[in-house]
């Protein structure tokens, strides 16, 4: 008896040959979005835990840049998943204005 791969259309209801692949891709996008959301939450918690006082200025700047990078990646991932409005995510994660104004900005190494 020869070995044959299973038919593509049998694993997901819907019947199209790509439906199993599409299902897997959607699940992977959702998982990546969830991981990005957790990273954003952790970065924002760390930023909020570091008070804006002169003694913490370099640490706070580092945390701010890290949070901005993670929020940027998260919002891009949301767009990939089909979410066009970012207002609900900004409100849900309570992303501060000081992070939002840094989105997409590349930091330059100090000399």
N, C-alpha and C. Protein backbone atom coordinates (compact mmCIF):
# COMPACT_ATOMS: atom_id res chain seq x y z
N UNK A 1 0.85 -1.18 0.00
CA UNK A 1 0.00 0.00 0.00
C UNK A 1 0.89 1.24 0.00
N UNK A 2 0.76 2.11 -1.02
CA UNK A 2 1.60 3.30 -1.11
C UNK A 2 1.17 4.36 -0.08
N UNK A 3 2.14 5.14 0.36
CA UNK A 3 1.85 6.25 1.28
C UNK A 3 1.49 7.49 0.48
N UNK A 4 0.41 8.13 0.89
CA UNK A 4 -0.03 9.36 0.25
C UNK A 4 -0.27 10.42 1.31
N UNK A 5 0.02 11.68 1.01
CA UNK A 5 -0.28 12.73 1.98
C UNK A 5 -1.80 12.90 2.10
N UNK A 6 -2.27 13.35 3.25
CA UNK A 6 -3.71 13.55 3.39
C UNK A 6 -4.19 14.69 2.51
N UNK A 7 -5.43 14.64 2.08
CA UNK A 7 -5.96 15.74 1.27
C UNK A 7 -5.98 17.03 2.08
N UNK A 8 -5.73 18.16 1.42
CA UNK A 8 -5.67 19.44 2.10
C UNK A 8 -7.02 19.92 2.61
N UNK A 9 -8.09 19.53 1.98
CA UNK A 9 -9.39 20.10 2.32
C UNK A 9 -10.11 19.35 3.43
N UNK A 10 -9.53 18.33 4.02
CA UNK A 10 -10.28 17.54 4.99
C UNK A 10 -10.15 18.04 6.42
N UNK A 11 -9.14 18.85 6.75
CA UNK A 11 -8.93 19.18 8.16
C UNK A 11 -9.74 20.36 8.65
N UNK A 12 -10.26 21.20 7.79
CA UNK A 12 -11.05 22.35 8.21
C UNK A 12 -12.32 22.40 7.39
N UNK A 13 -13.42 22.65 8.07
CA UNK A 13 -14.69 22.75 7.35
C UNK A 13 -14.64 23.96 6.43
N UNK A 14 -15.15 23.84 5.29
CA UNK A 14 -15.16 24.94 4.33
C UNK A 14 -14.87 24.45 2.95
N UNK A 15 -14.08 23.39 2.87
CA UNK A 15 -13.90 22.72 1.61
C UNK A 15 -12.78 23.21 0.71
N UNK A 16 -12.31 24.44 0.85
CA UNK A 16 -11.27 24.88 -0.09
C UNK A 16 -9.93 24.26 0.29
N UNK A 17 -9.11 23.96 -0.70
CA UNK A 17 -7.83 23.30 -0.43
C UNK A 17 -6.91 24.13 0.47
N UNK A 18 -7.03 25.43 0.46
CA UNK A 18 -6.16 26.27 1.28
C UNK A 18 -6.72 26.55 2.67
N UNK A 19 -7.89 26.08 2.98
CA UNK A 19 -8.50 26.45 4.25
C UNK A 19 -7.68 25.98 5.46
N UNK A 20 -7.06 24.83 5.39
CA UNK A 20 -6.23 24.36 6.51
C UNK A 20 -5.03 25.26 6.69
N UNK A 21 -4.40 25.64 5.60
CA UNK A 21 -3.25 26.55 5.66
C UNK A 21 -3.67 27.92 6.16
N UNK A 22 -4.78 28.43 5.65
CA UNK A 22 -5.28 29.73 6.09
C UNK A 22 -5.58 29.71 7.59
N UNK A 23 -6.16 28.63 8.06
CA UNK A 23 -6.46 28.49 9.48
C UNK A 23 -5.17 28.55 10.31
N UNK A 24 -4.16 27.82 9.88
CA UNK A 24 -2.88 27.81 10.60
C UNK A 24 -2.24 29.19 10.60
N UNK A 25 -2.29 29.88 9.47
CA UNK A 25 -1.72 31.23 9.40
C UNK A 25 -2.46 32.20 10.31
N UNK A 26 -3.77 32.11 10.34
CA UNK A 26 -4.55 32.98 11.23
C UNK A 26 -4.22 32.69 12.68
N UNK A 27 -4.07 31.43 13.03
CA UNK A 27 -3.73 31.07 14.41
C UNK A 27 -2.35 31.59 14.78
N UNK A 28 -1.42 31.51 13.86
CA UNK A 28 -0.07 32.01 14.12
C UNK A 28 -0.05 33.53 14.27
N UNK A 29 -0.83 34.23 13.44
CA UNK A 29 -0.93 35.69 13.57
C UNK A 29 -1.51 36.07 14.92
N UNK A 30 -2.54 35.37 15.34
CA UNK A 30 -3.17 35.66 16.63
C UNK A 30 -2.21 35.39 17.78
N UNK A 31 -1.46 34.33 17.70
CA UNK A 31 -0.48 34.00 18.74
C UNK A 31 0.62 35.05 18.80
N UNK A 32 1.11 35.48 17.65
CA UNK A 32 2.14 36.52 17.60
C UNK A 32 1.61 37.83 18.17
N UNK A 33 0.36 38.15 17.89
CA UNK A 33 -0.24 39.37 18.43
C UNK A 33 -0.36 39.29 19.94
N UNK A 34 -0.75 38.14 20.46
CA UNK A 34 -0.85 37.97 21.91
C UNK A 34 0.52 38.12 22.58
N UNK A 35 1.55 37.53 21.99
CA UNK A 35 2.90 37.66 22.56
C UNK A 35 3.36 39.12 22.53
N UNK A 36 3.07 39.81 21.46
CA UNK A 36 3.44 41.22 21.36
C UNK A 36 2.70 42.05 22.41
N UNK A 37 1.44 41.73 22.66
CA UNK A 37 0.66 42.44 23.68
C UNK A 37 1.23 42.24 25.07
N UNK A 38 1.66 41.03 25.37
CA UNK A 38 2.28 40.76 26.67
C UNK A 38 3.58 41.55 26.82
N UNK A 39 4.37 41.61 25.76
CA UNK A 39 5.62 42.38 25.79
C UNK A 39 5.36 43.86 26.03
N UNK A 40 4.32 44.39 25.39
CA UNK A 40 3.95 45.80 25.58
C UNK A 40 3.53 46.03 27.03
N UNK A 41 2.71 45.15 27.58
CA UNK A 41 2.28 45.30 28.97
C UNK A 41 3.47 45.35 29.92
N UNK A 42 4.42 44.44 29.74
CA UNK A 42 5.60 44.38 30.62
C UNK A 42 6.45 45.64 30.48
N UNK A 43 6.64 46.09 29.25
CA UNK A 43 7.45 47.29 29.03
C UNK A 43 6.79 48.53 29.64
N UNK A 44 5.48 48.64 29.51
CA UNK A 44 4.78 49.79 30.09
C UNK A 44 4.78 49.73 31.61
N UNK A 45 4.68 48.54 32.18
CA UNK A 45 4.77 48.40 33.64
C UNK A 45 6.14 48.86 34.14
N UNK A 46 7.20 48.45 33.45
CA UNK A 46 8.55 48.85 33.84
C UNK A 46 8.72 50.36 33.71
N UNK A 47 8.16 50.94 32.67
CA UNK A 47 8.25 52.39 32.48
C UNK A 47 7.51 53.12 33.59
N UNK A 48 6.34 52.65 33.95
CA UNK A 48 5.56 53.30 35.02
C UNK A 48 6.23 53.16 36.38
N UNK A 49 7.00 52.09 36.56
CA UNK A 49 7.68 51.86 37.84
C UNK A 49 8.92 52.73 38.01
N UNK A 50 9.37 53.36 36.94
CA UNK A 50 10.58 54.20 36.98
C UNK A 50 10.14 55.66 37.00
N UNK A 51 10.21 56.31 38.15
CA UNK A 51 9.75 57.70 38.23
C UNK A 51 10.62 58.65 37.40
N UNK A 52 10.00 59.70 36.92
CA UNK A 52 10.69 60.69 36.09
C UNK A 52 11.41 61.70 36.98
N UNK A 53 12.50 61.27 37.57
CA UNK A 53 13.32 62.15 38.41
C UNK A 53 14.73 62.20 37.83
N UNK A 54 15.49 63.25 38.11
CA UNK A 54 16.82 63.39 37.50
C UNK A 54 17.74 62.19 37.72
N UNK A 55 17.63 61.52 38.84
CA UNK A 55 18.50 60.37 39.11
C UNK A 55 18.23 59.20 38.16
N UNK A 56 17.04 59.12 37.62
CA UNK A 56 16.64 58.00 36.75
C UNK A 56 16.60 58.35 35.28
N UNK A 57 17.13 59.50 34.90
CA UNK A 57 16.91 59.98 33.53
C UNK A 57 17.42 59.01 32.46
N UNK A 58 18.59 58.43 32.64
CA UNK A 58 19.11 57.53 31.59
C UNK A 58 18.35 56.21 31.57
N UNK A 59 18.01 55.68 32.74
CA UNK A 59 17.22 54.44 32.80
C UNK A 59 15.83 54.65 32.23
N UNK A 60 15.22 55.78 32.57
CA UNK A 60 13.87 56.07 32.06
C UNK A 60 13.91 56.25 30.54
N UNK A 61 14.93 56.90 30.03
CA UNK A 61 15.05 57.07 28.58
C UNK A 61 15.17 55.71 27.89
N UNK A 62 15.95 54.81 28.47
CA UNK A 62 16.10 53.47 27.91
C UNK A 62 14.76 52.73 27.92
N UNK A 63 14.04 52.81 29.05
CA UNK A 63 12.74 52.15 29.16
C UNK A 63 11.72 52.76 28.19
N UNK A 64 11.81 54.05 28.01
CA UNK A 64 10.91 54.74 27.09
C UNK A 64 11.15 54.30 25.65
N UNK A 65 12.41 54.21 25.26
CA UNK A 65 12.74 53.75 23.91
C UNK A 65 12.33 52.30 23.69
N UNK A 66 12.55 51.47 24.71
CA UNK A 66 12.15 50.07 24.60
C UNK A 66 10.63 49.94 24.46
N UNK A 67 9.89 50.70 25.28
CA UNK A 67 8.43 50.66 25.20
C UNK A 67 7.95 51.14 23.84
N UNK A 68 8.55 52.21 23.32
CA UNK A 68 8.14 52.73 22.01
C UNK A 68 8.39 51.70 20.91
N UNK A 69 9.53 51.03 20.96
CA UNK A 69 9.82 50.00 19.95
C UNK A 69 8.82 48.85 20.02
N UNK A 70 8.50 48.41 21.24
CA UNK A 70 7.56 47.30 21.39
C UNK A 70 6.14 47.70 21.00
N UNK A 71 5.73 48.91 21.35
CA UNK A 71 4.40 49.39 20.96
C UNK A 71 4.31 49.50 19.44
N UNK A 72 5.35 50.02 18.81
CA UNK A 72 5.38 50.13 17.35
C UNK A 72 5.20 48.75 16.71
N UNK A 73 5.97 47.78 17.18
CA UNK A 73 5.87 46.42 16.65
C UNK A 73 4.48 45.84 16.86
N UNK A 74 3.91 46.09 18.03
CA UNK A 74 2.58 45.61 18.36
C UNK A 74 1.52 46.20 17.43
N UNK A 75 1.59 47.51 17.20
CA UNK A 75 0.61 48.15 16.34
C UNK A 75 0.74 47.68 14.89
N UNK A 76 1.96 47.44 14.44
CA UNK A 76 2.17 46.89 13.10
C UNK A 76 1.57 45.49 13.02
N UNK A 77 1.80 44.68 14.05
CA UNK A 77 1.25 43.33 14.08
C UNK A 77 -0.28 43.36 14.05
N UNK A 78 -0.87 44.33 14.75
CA UNK A 78 -2.34 44.48 14.72
C UNK A 78 -2.82 44.76 13.30
N UNK A 79 -2.10 45.62 12.59
CA UNK A 79 -2.49 45.93 11.21
C UNK A 79 -2.38 44.70 10.33
N UNK A 80 -1.35 43.90 10.54
CA UNK A 80 -1.19 42.66 9.77
C UNK A 80 -2.37 41.74 10.01
N UNK A 81 -2.89 41.75 11.23
CA UNK A 81 -4.04 40.91 11.58
C UNK A 81 -5.36 41.50 11.10
N UNK A 82 -5.34 42.71 10.55
CA UNK A 82 -6.56 43.29 9.99
C UNK A 82 -7.19 44.37 10.84
N UNK A 83 -6.60 44.72 11.97
CA UNK A 83 -7.14 45.80 12.80
C UNK A 83 -6.64 47.13 12.25
N UNK A 84 -7.53 47.93 11.73
CA UNK A 84 -7.11 49.18 11.11
C UNK A 84 -7.07 50.34 12.10
N UNK A 85 -7.92 50.34 13.09
CA UNK A 85 -7.94 51.41 14.09
C UNK A 85 -7.09 50.99 15.29
N UNK A 86 -6.21 51.86 15.70
CA UNK A 86 -5.35 51.55 16.84
C UNK A 86 -5.87 52.21 18.13
N UNK A 87 -6.92 53.00 18.04
CA UNK A 87 -7.42 53.75 19.19
C UNK A 87 -7.81 52.83 20.35
N UNK A 88 -8.45 51.71 20.04
CA UNK A 88 -8.87 50.81 21.11
C UNK A 88 -7.67 50.18 21.82
N UNK A 89 -6.62 49.86 21.09
CA UNK A 89 -5.42 49.28 21.71
C UNK A 89 -4.70 50.32 22.57
N UNK A 90 -4.63 51.54 22.07
CA UNK A 90 -3.98 52.61 22.83
C UNK A 90 -4.72 52.84 24.15
N UNK A 91 -6.04 52.81 24.08
CA UNK A 91 -6.84 53.00 25.29
C UNK A 91 -6.73 51.79 26.22
N UNK A 92 -6.82 50.58 25.66
CA UNK A 92 -6.79 49.36 26.49
C UNK A 92 -5.47 49.21 27.24
N UNK A 93 -4.36 49.49 26.56
CA UNK A 93 -3.05 49.34 27.18
C UNK A 93 -2.61 50.62 27.90
N UNK A 94 -3.42 51.67 27.81
CA UNK A 94 -3.13 52.96 28.45
C UNK A 94 -1.72 53.42 28.07
N UNK A 95 -1.47 53.48 26.77
CA UNK A 95 -0.15 53.84 26.27
C UNK A 95 0.03 55.35 26.44
N UNK A 96 1.05 55.75 27.20
CA UNK A 96 1.23 57.18 27.47
C UNK A 96 1.64 57.97 26.23
N UNK A 97 1.34 59.25 26.27
CA UNK A 97 1.66 60.15 25.16
C UNK A 97 3.17 60.17 24.89
N UNK A 98 3.98 60.13 25.95
CA UNK A 98 5.43 60.17 25.76
C UNK A 98 5.95 58.96 24.99
N UNK A 99 5.22 57.86 25.01
CA UNK A 99 5.57 56.69 24.20
C UNK A 99 5.06 56.89 22.77
N UNK A 100 3.82 57.35 22.65
CA UNK A 100 3.20 57.50 21.33
C UNK A 100 3.98 58.45 20.43
N UNK A 101 4.55 59.52 20.99
CA UNK A 101 5.25 60.48 20.13
C UNK A 101 6.59 59.94 19.64
N UNK A 102 7.04 58.83 20.20
CA UNK A 102 8.31 58.23 19.79
C UNK A 102 8.14 57.05 18.82
N UNK A 103 6.92 56.71 18.47
CA UNK A 103 6.69 55.56 17.60
C UNK A 103 7.34 55.77 16.24
N UNK A 104 8.09 54.76 15.83
CA UNK A 104 8.72 54.79 14.53
C UNK A 104 10.01 55.58 14.48
N UNK A 105 10.34 56.29 15.56
CA UNK A 105 11.59 57.05 15.58
C UNK A 105 12.75 56.14 15.91
N UNK A 106 13.82 56.28 15.18
CA UNK A 106 15.03 55.47 15.43
C UNK A 106 15.96 56.29 16.32
N UNK A 107 16.44 55.66 17.36
CA UNK A 107 17.38 56.36 18.25
C UNK A 107 18.78 56.28 17.67
N UNK A 108 19.53 57.31 17.90
CA UNK A 108 20.91 57.35 17.41
C UNK A 108 21.84 57.08 18.59
N UNK A 109 22.86 56.29 18.34
CA UNK A 109 23.81 56.03 19.43
C UNK A 109 24.52 57.31 19.84
N UNK A 110 24.70 57.47 21.14
CA UNK A 110 25.38 58.67 21.63
C UNK A 110 26.88 58.48 21.49
N UNK A 111 27.56 59.57 21.22
CA UNK A 111 29.02 59.50 21.03
C UNK A 111 29.74 59.78 22.31
